[in-house]
Amino acid sequence: MRCAGRNREARLRPRGWASRALSLVVLVFAAQLGSLVAPAYACGCGAMVVDRDTRVSVDRETSVVGWDGSTEQIVMRLTVRGNAPDAAWIMPVPHRATVGLGDASLFSELQTLTAPVTTTRHYFWPRAKDWPFGGSDNRSGDGAAAPSAAAPVEVVGRERLGPFDVARLAATDPAALDGWLKENGFELPDRLATALRPYVEQKWEYVAVRLAPQESGRPLSGALDPLRLRFASDRLVYPMRLSRLAATPQSLGLYVLAAHRMEPRDAIGGLRPVVTYAGRVDTGRLEGAYGALDALTGGKPVFVTAIDQSFPRPELIDGDHELRAAAADTPYRTTYYRDRMLTVGGIPAWLLSLLGGAVLVAGALLLVVRARGRRPVTPPAPVTVPPPLG
């Protein structure tokens, strides 16, 4: 029996190794196939294109969007990681855009300005974690017209901005981007060409940016200098349609600077947008602490609306964010609460109230007893016996 068992193991071992080797080959093939069919990645309001054999991912993007009723500005900072030595970033814009470098301190200023606050609120009666039921504390949180290009593609401007090689293109067909992409060593993925079709129908233009690290030979990684785009627009729109190319859940953070509190028209396929801050800001009264914000707004007071939104299934994104004025300029700030029991001199107020109530009741009873003890006793009336008859 032992010999038979050993022979059986000898017969099965090669098959096990073969199975594992076959699985490894399948996994490698699948990875290579994925690199061929998915070379475009969403990054907030644009799309990344990399070489077939490389990978790049974009972390959560936060953008500042300013609008004065006729001109829109978008300041964004891309944070990328991967093994790609360079990449191309494509962003559609409704009108011809000017492009420049943004101020990185703008994001830290707005983060400080709109940060949540923590406040303490007191409650009277003890809760589950309070004496005499449990512990001593309980904390909880609430809380210009579009240009008509005669040629399929027209490079209307090109400049070098820090690590960016920026080309502004006017195109009548997504396929027209092929020339610029091929010139820079990239190919236009079919998925991206399809996703760009609605923008072509609306006669939008593109901003195409070649991203490269400061040091040659190093992979593209880390936070890049922020880019600032400025273009004419009679409505406040934030391009999001290309984010449907993303293979992983996406999250969006927007700081909207306008004359009024702003809100997205709809969720465009994501979860409900959440306002984390809304308030009017006058940088002229902030003692120079917000220089980048003051420069972006021209020193004029603006209403700042901070919006967060998650997209668990990016493939459901069905349009761009169009933001409109809310019904009222209601201020709001995310607040976290520390719940603490109300105390007086370190003693729970409820306990003092009970003790005080007991003392009052005892005093009232004592007064009643004393009052009864001092009350004079009235003697009974004399009984008169009538005389007998006869």
Foldseek 3Di string as FASTA:
>chain_A
DVVVVVVVCVVCVVVVVVVVVVVVVVVVVVVLVCLQQQQWADAFQKIKGADSPWDKDWAAKEWEWEDAQWKIKIKIKTFMDIFTQKIKIKGWDLAFKDKAFADPCLVVVVCVVQPAAEDADADADDDCCPPPNHNAFDFFWDKPHHDDDPDQKDFPDWDDYQQKTKTKMQHLALVVCQVVQVVVPTGDRPVNRVLCVVSSVSRIIMIMIMGHDPDHPGHDGGMDTMMMMMDTDSFGWRRGSVNLSHPAKHKYKYKYWYAAAKDWPDQQQWPHKDWAWWDKDQVVPVVCPNVSVCVVVVRGITIITIIMTIHRNSNSRDTITTMDHDPHRDTDHIYTYTYHYDDDPPHRPNVVVVVVVVVVVVVVVVVVVVVVVPDDDDDDDDDDDDDDDD
